[in-house]
């Protein structure tokens, strides 16, 4: 979580400075694309604050009403951030672009636009590199796209997505301003604003889909479930393994329930030791699985010591 905060603080710092500068220059030059970029940076700043709120709330301890903690707070706030990117970032930029296309205004000297866009690219690029460094550290050698698909920490990949969209948006804005001024076609500035709006909406849809899956109970990957079955089957007292039910309850915490069928002649003591061994091995191989419950589908025979660890019999 500390690494995630570094990425968010970097993004907030960059976006505050960039948003103020963009709005000032948009007012001076009358550029629609620059105004859209200013809106984008302002929304990104507010989104960073919301992600920090989500991080703080997700670390609250468990309560009787929330026995598994508040880890999903992070998913809720990341969903709010994605909706804001779609509505305020994408929607307003698209609307502003359409208005400029319908009533284009001649652009004044675009020099300051280029200066601001270049400075913004440096700041956004720095923020992106900070977030990318933190993400790569969390990935621990996993290939980038694979790590991105597997990540359950919305803070880092949301900042990555926002910064990526920002960098592409800056290039689009620069192209729209240049062509609009060089060709004396101010309508192209509005077209650039529309493209930026569509870009932000597309990024937002991807983030919404990711947050939705986590909020409604996304589980561990199939290959992880198969590995847990294999671990259980290594125990001599286990005859078969049924369902492996799971759900992420936080950015770095998953809950797993395993149905285990013990052999007919196994005592409760032997079953208990098997459960302890399964839980120990699973936690060692998959640190994210912090809560694991073993359910016996066939009741072992009584007459031996109970399990030492919290497996369900």
Protein backbone atom coordinates (compact mmCIF):
# COMPACT_ATOMS: atom_id res chain seq x y z
CA UNK A 1 0.00 0.00 0.00
CA UNK A 2 2.90 2.38 0.73
CA UNK A 3 4.11 1.90 -2.84
CA UNK A 4 0.64 2.68 -4.15
CA UNK A 5 0.57 5.95 -2.19
CA UNK A 6 3.84 7.06 -3.76
CA UNK A 7 2.35 6.64 -7.23
CA UNK A 8 -0.81 8.53 -6.24
CA UNK A 9 1.08 11.42 -4.61
CA UNK A 10 3.23 11.73 -7.72
CA UNK A 11 0.14 11.86 -9.93
CA UNK A 12 -1.62 14.44 -7.74
CA UNK A 13 1.43 16.73 -7.64
CA UNK A 14 1.83 16.62 -11.41
CA UNK A 15 -1.85 17.15 -12.16
CA UNK A 16 -2.32 20.13 -9.83
CA UNK A 17 0.45 22.10 -11.53
CA UNK A 18 -0.58 21.04 -15.02
CA UNK A 19 -4.30 21.75 -14.56
CA UNK A 20 -3.73 25.34 -13.39
CA UNK A 21 -1.37 26.07 -16.26
CA UNK A 22 -3.65 24.52 -18.88
CA UNK A 23 -6.69 26.51 -17.76
CA UNK A 24 -4.75 29.78 -17.84
CA UNK A 25 -3.36 29.14 -21.32
CA UNK A 26 -6.73 27.89 -22.61
CA UNK A 27 -8.24 31.21 -21.54
CA UNK A 28 -5.48 33.18 -23.24
CA UNK A 29 -5.39 31.26 -26.54
CA UNK A 30 -9.01 30.11 -26.79
CA UNK A 31 -7.99 26.51 -27.52
CA UNK A 32 -10.77 23.92 -27.05
CA UNK A 33 -8.27 21.06 -26.93
CA UNK A 34 -6.28 22.85 -24.22
CA UNK A 35 -9.46 23.43 -22.19
CA UNK A 36 -10.26 19.71 -22.48
CA UNK A 37 -6.76 18.89 -21.30
CA UNK A 38 -7.22 21.22 -18.33
CA UNK A 39 -10.47 19.48 -17.40
CA UNK A 40 -8.72 16.13 -17.75
CA UNK A 41 -5.92 17.15 -15.37
CA UNK A 42 -8.38 18.59 -12.83
CA UNK A 43 -10.41 15.37 -12.85
CA UNK A 44 -7.22 13.33 -12.45
CA UNK A 45 -6.25 15.41 -9.43
CA UNK A 46 -9.60 14.81 -7.75
CA UNK A 47 -9.41 11.13 -8.66
CA UNK A 48 -6.06 10.84 -6.90
CA UNK A 49 -7.60 12.24 -3.74
CA UNK A 50 -10.45 9.70 -3.96
CA UNK A 51 -7.95 6.85 -4.35
CA UNK A 52 -6.17 8.02 -1.20
CA UNK A 53 -9.54 8.02 0.59
CA UNK A 54 -10.14 4.48 -0.63
CA UNK A 55 -6.71 3.36 0.57
CA UNK A 56 -7.28 4.81 4.03
CA UNK A 57 -10.77 3.36 4.43
CA UNK A 58 -9.71 -0.06 3.17
CA UNK A 59 -7.16 -0.40 5.99
CA UNK A 60 -9.75 -0.12 8.77
CA UNK A 61 -9.83 -3.23 11.00
CA UNK A 62 -12.57 -5.83 10.89
CA UNK A 63 -15.76 -5.23 12.87
CA UNK A 64 -18.72 -7.46 13.80
CA UNK A 65 -20.62 -5.92 10.88
CA UNK A 66 -17.66 -6.39 8.51
CA UNK A 67 -15.88 -9.53 9.77
CA UNK A 68 -13.58 -9.74 6.74
CA UNK A 69 -12.44 -6.15 7.02
CA UNK A 70 -12.97 -3.21 4.68
CA UNK A 71 -10.65 -4.14 1.81
CA UNK A 72 -13.38 -3.73 -0.79
CA UNK A 73 -13.62 -0.02 0.01
CA UNK A 74 -10.72 0.35 -2.41
CA UNK A 75 -12.73 -1.27 -5.19
CA UNK A 76 -15.72 0.98 -4.53
CA UNK A 77 -13.68 4.17 -4.70
CA UNK A 78 -11.82 3.00 -7.80
CA UNK A 79 -15.24 2.50 -9.43
CA UNK A 80 -16.19 6.09 -8.50
CA UNK A 81 -12.92 7.29 -10.02
CA UNK A 82 -13.63 5.41 -13.25
CA UNK A 83 -17.13 6.89 -13.45
CA UNK A 84 -15.70 10.39 -12.97
CA UNK A 85 -13.15 9.80 -15.73
CA UNK A 86 -16.00 8.73 -18.01
CA UNK A 87 -18.44 11.52 -17.10
CA UNK A 88 -16.31 14.55 -16.27
CA UNK A 89 -13.17 13.72 -18.22
CA UNK A 90 -14.57 12.01 -21.31
CA UNK A 91 -18.05 13.56 -21.36
CA UNK A 92 -17.07 17.19 -20.86
CA UNK A 93 -14.16 16.94 -23.32
CA UNK A 94 -16.44 15.40 -25.94
CA UNK A 95 -19.10 18.08 -25.38
CA UNK A 96 -16.57 20.90 -25.54
CA UNK A 97 -15.17 19.47 -28.78
CA UNK A 98 -18.61 19.25 -30.40
CA UNK A 99 -19.36 22.83 -29.41
CA UNK A 100 -16.08 24.00 -30.95
CA UNK A 101 -16.78 22.05 -34.15
CA UNK A 102 -20.22 23.61 -34.45
CA UNK A 103 -18.92 27.13 -33.83
CA UNK A 104 -15.16 27.19 -34.42
CA UNK A 105 -13.24 30.25 -33.31
CA UNK A 106 -9.99 31.36 -34.95
CA UNK A 107 -7.04 30.39 -32.77
CA UNK A 108 -4.68 33.06 -31.54
CA UNK A 109 -0.91 32.51 -31.30
CA UNK A 110 -0.55 28.84 -30.22
CA UNK A 111 3.01 29.22 -28.90
CA UNK A 112 1.97 29.07 -25.27
CA UNK A 113 -0.08 25.96 -26.00
CA UNK A 114 3.03 24.17 -27.19
CA UNK A 115 5.04 25.30 -24.16
CA UNK A 116 2.38 24.07 -21.75
CA UNK A 117 1.87 20.79 -23.59
CA UNK A 118 5.61 20.12 -23.54
CA UNK A 119 5.83 20.87 -19.81
CA UNK A 120 2.74 18.75 -19.14
CA UNK A 121 4.25 15.87 -21.08
CA UNK A 122 7.33 16.01 -18.85
CA UNK A 123 5.25 16.07 -15.65
CA UNK A 124 2.84 13.38 -16.81
CA UNK A 125 5.73 11.26 -18.03
CA UNK A 126 7.41 11.56 -14.63
CA UNK A 127 4.20 10.52 -12.88
CA UNK A 128 3.81 7.61 -15.29
CA UNK A 129 7.36 6.42 -14.67
CA UNK A 130 6.83 6.56 -10.88
CA UNK A 131 3.64 4.52 -11.17
CA UNK A 132 5.29 2.09 -13.59
CA UNK A 133 8.23 1.59 -11.22
CA UNK A 134 5.89 0.84 -8.32
CA UNK A 135 3.83 -1.50 -10.48
CA UNK A 136 6.90 -3.40 -11.68
CA UNK A 137 8.06 -3.76 -8.06
CA UNK A 138 4.67 -5.26 -7.14
CA UNK A 139 4.76 -7.55 -10.19
CA UNK A 140 8.02 -9.16 -8.99
CA UNK A 141 9.29 -10.16 -12.41
CA UNK A 142 5.95 -11.13 -13.95
CA UNK A 143 5.63 -9.93 -17.59
CA UNK A 144 3.98 -6.50 -17.73
CA UNK A 145 0.72 -7.36 -19.51
CA UNK A 146 0.29 -10.51 -17.48
CA UNK A 147 0.89 -8.60 -14.25
CA UNK A 148 -1.56 -5.90 -15.35
CA UNK A 149 -4.25 -8.51 -15.99
CA UNK A 150 -3.64 -10.21 -12.64
CA UNK A 151 -3.32 -7.08 -10.50
CA UNK A 152 -6.03 -6.60 -7.88
CA UNK A 153 -4.66 -3.27 -6.61
CA UNK A 154 -6.70 -0.61 -8.46
CA UNK A 155 -4.63 2.29 -7.15
CA UNK A 156 -1.50 1.63 -9.18
CA UNK A 157 -3.12 0.46 -12.41
CA UNK A 158 -5.64 3.32 -12.29
CA UNK A 159 -2.80 5.84 -12.08
CA UNK A 160 -1.03 4.01 -14.90
CA UNK A 161 -4.16 4.12 -17.06
CA UNK A 162 -4.81 7.79 -16.31
CA UNK A 163 -1.23 8.80 -17.06
CA UNK A 164 -1.16 6.75 -20.26
CA UNK A 165 -4.36 8.41 -21.45
CA UNK A 166 -2.94 11.79 -20.45
CA UNK A 167 0.24 11.30 -22.48
CA UNK A 168 -1.70 10.21 -25.56
CA UNK A 169 -4.17 13.06 -25.02
CA UNK A 170 -1.34 15.59 -24.94
CA UNK A 171 -0.07 14.34 -28.28
CA UNK A 172 -3.57 14.52 -29.76
CA UNK A 173 -4.06 18.05 -28.41
CA UNK A 174 -0.73 19.19 -29.84
CA UNK A 175 -1.57 17.70 -33.24
CA UNK A 176 -5.03 19.28 -33.26
CA UNK A 177 -3.67 22.71 -32.29
CA UNK A 178 -0.87 22.54 -34.87
CA UNK A 179 -3.07 21.43 -37.76
CA UNK A 180 -5.85 23.82 -36.83
CA UNK A 181 -3.48 26.78 -36.84
CA UNK A 182 -1.29 25.73 -39.79
CA UNK A 183 -4.24 24.90 -42.06
CA UNK A 184 -6.41 27.73 -40.73
CA UNK A 185 -9.02 25.14 -39.82
CA UNK A 186 -9.92 25.78 -36.15
CA UNK A 187 -12.47 22.99 -36.38
CA UNK A 188 -9.57 20.53 -36.07
CA UNK A 189 -8.95 21.81 -32.56
CA UNK A 190 -12.48 20.71 -31.70
CA UNK A 191 -11.91 17.35 -33.36
CA UNK A 192 -8.88 16.84 -31.13
CA UNK A 193 -11.06 17.56 -28.10
CA UNK A 194 -13.58 14.94 -29.24
CA UNK A 195 -10.79 12.38 -29.71
CA UNK A 196 -9.52 13.11 -26.19
CA UNK A 197 -13.05 12.60 -24.85
CA UNK A 198 -13.41 9.25 -26.61
CA UNK A 199 -9.97 8.21 -25.34
CA UNK A 200 -10.87 9.00 -21.73
CA UNK A 201 -14.23 7.26 -22.03
CA UNK A 202 -12.53 4.13 -23.37
CA UNK A 203 -10.04 4.04 -20.49
CA UNK A 204 -12.89 4.60 -18.03
CA UNK A 205 -14.87 1.66 -19.44
CA UNK A 206 -11.89 -0.65 -18.93
CA UNK A 207 -11.45 0.55 -15.34
CA UNK A 208 -15.17 0.19 -14.63
CA UNK A 209 -15.13 -3.40 -15.91
CA UNK A 210 -12.18 -4.24 -13.66
CA UNK A 211 -13.77 -2.64 -10.58
CA UNK A 212 -17.08 -4.35 -11.28
CA UNK A 213 -15.50 -7.79 -11.36
CA UNK A 214 -13.79 -7.24 -8.02
CA UNK A 215 -16.87 -5.74 -6.37
CA UNK A 216 -19.18 -8.61 -7.31
CA UNK A 217 -16.79 -11.25 -6.01
CA UNK A 218 -14.03 -12.10 -8.48
CA UNK A 219 -12.08 -15.17 -7.38
CA UNK A 220 -8.56 -16.49 -7.77
CA UNK A 221 -7.26 -17.59 -11.16
CA UNK A 222 -8.11 -21.12 -12.40
CA UNK A 223 -4.45 -22.16 -12.35
CA UNK A 224 -4.18 -21.12 -8.70
CA UNK A 225 -7.27 -23.19 -7.85
CA UNK A 226 -5.73 -26.18 -9.65
CA UNK A 227 -2.51 -25.74 -7.66
CA UNK A 228 -4.49 -25.73 -4.40
CA UNK A 229 -6.24 -28.97 -5.45
CA UNK A 230 -2.85 -30.52 -6.19
CA UNK A 231 -1.54 -29.46 -2.76
CA UNK A 232 -4.53 -31.07 -1.07
CA UNK A 233 -4.23 -34.27 -3.09
CA UNK A 234 -0.62 -34.68 -1.93
CA UNK A 235 -1.93 -35.58 1.53
CA UNK A 236 -2.22 -39.38 1.97
CA UNK A 237 -5.48 -39.03 3.91
CA UNK A 238 -7.25 -37.10 1.10
CA UNK A 239 -9.25 -39.12 -1.40
CA UNK A 240 -10.62 -36.31 -3.55
CA UNK A 241 -10.95 -32.51 -3.72
CA UNK A 242 -14.22 -30.84 -4.72
CA UNK A 243 -14.94 -27.17 -5.25
CA UNK A 244 -12.36 -24.48 -4.59
CA UNK A 245 -14.42 -21.37 -3.86
CA UNK A 246 -12.68 -18.04 -3.59
CA UNK A 247 -13.13 -14.27 -3.53
CA UNK A 248 -10.85 -11.25 -3.30
CA UNK A 249 -11.70 -9.22 -0.21
CA UNK A 250 -8.92 -6.66 -0.64
CA UNK A 251 -6.10 -5.60 -2.93
CA UNK A 252 -3.74 -8.17 -1.38
CA UNK A 253 -6.11 -10.53 0.41
CA UNK A 254 -8.18 -13.45 -0.86
CA UNK A 255 -10.51 -15.88 0.88
CA UNK A 256 -10.55 -19.54 -0.19
CA UNK A 257 -12.83 -22.44 0.79
CA UNK A 258 -11.77 -25.96 -0.23
CA UNK A 259 -14.06 -29.01 -0.20
CA UNK A 260 -11.97 -32.06 0.77
CA UNK A 261 -13.15 -35.67 0.75
CA UNK A 262 -11.14 -37.74 3.22
CA UNK A 263 -10.67 -41.49 2.98
CA UNK A 264 -13.16 -43.63 4.91
CA UNK A 265 -10.72 -45.00 7.48
CA UNK A 266 -9.18 -41.64 8.42
CA UNK A 267 -9.51 -40.42 12.02
CA UNK A 268 -10.26 -36.81 13.00
CA UNK A 269 -6.68 -36.42 14.20
CA UNK A 270 -5.21 -37.47 10.85
CA UNK A 271 -7.67 -35.22 9.04
CA UNK A 272 -6.70 -32.35 11.32
CA UNK A 273 -3.01 -32.77 10.59
CA UNK A 274 -3.77 -32.95 6.85
CA UNK A 275 -5.75 -29.73 7.06
CA UNK A 276 -2.89 -28.01 8.86
CA UNK A 277 -0.42 -29.17 6.20
CA UNK A 278 -2.68 -27.98 3.36
CA UNK A 279 -3.21 -24.55 4.91
CA UNK A 280 0.50 -24.09 5.64
CA UNK A 281 1.54 -25.02 2.09
CA UNK A 282 -1.13 -22.88 0.43
CA UNK A 283 -0.23 -19.81 2.49
CA UNK A 284 3.47 -20.34 1.79
CA UNK A 285 2.97 -20.57 -1.98
CA UNK A 286 0.23 -17.93 -2.27
CA UNK A 287 0.75 -15.12 0.31
CA UNK A 288 -2.34 -13.30 -0.97
CA UNK A 289 -4.52 -16.14 0.36
CA UNK A 290 -4.69 -15.07 3.98
CA UNK A 291 -7.95 -16.84 4.84
CA UNK A 292 -8.39 -20.50 3.93
CA UNK A 293 -11.11 -22.84 5.18
CA UNK A 294 -11.07 -26.60 4.61
CA UNK A 295 -14.48 -28.28 4.58
CA UNK A 296 -14.67 -32.07 4.94
CA UNK A 297 -17.34 -33.49 2.63
CA UNK A 298 -17.00 -36.88 4.37
CA UNK A 299 -16.78 -36.81 8.19
CA UNK A 300 -13.60 -38.54 9.47
CA UNK A 301 -13.87 -41.08 12.27
CA UNK A 302 -13.65 -39.89 15.86
CA UNK A 303 -11.03 -41.05 18.33
CA UNK A 304 -7.93 -38.99 17.61
CA UNK A 305 -6.69 -35.49 18.57
CA UNK A 306 -8.42 -32.58 16.83
CA UNK A 307 -6.81 -30.35 14.21
CA UNK A 308 -4.16 -27.91 15.43
CA UNK A 309 -5.07 -25.20 12.91
CA UNK A 310 -8.42 -23.61 12.10
CA UNK A 311 -9.71 -26.02 9.46
CA UNK A 312 -13.42 -26.80 9.32
CA UNK A 313 -14.39 -30.44 9.79
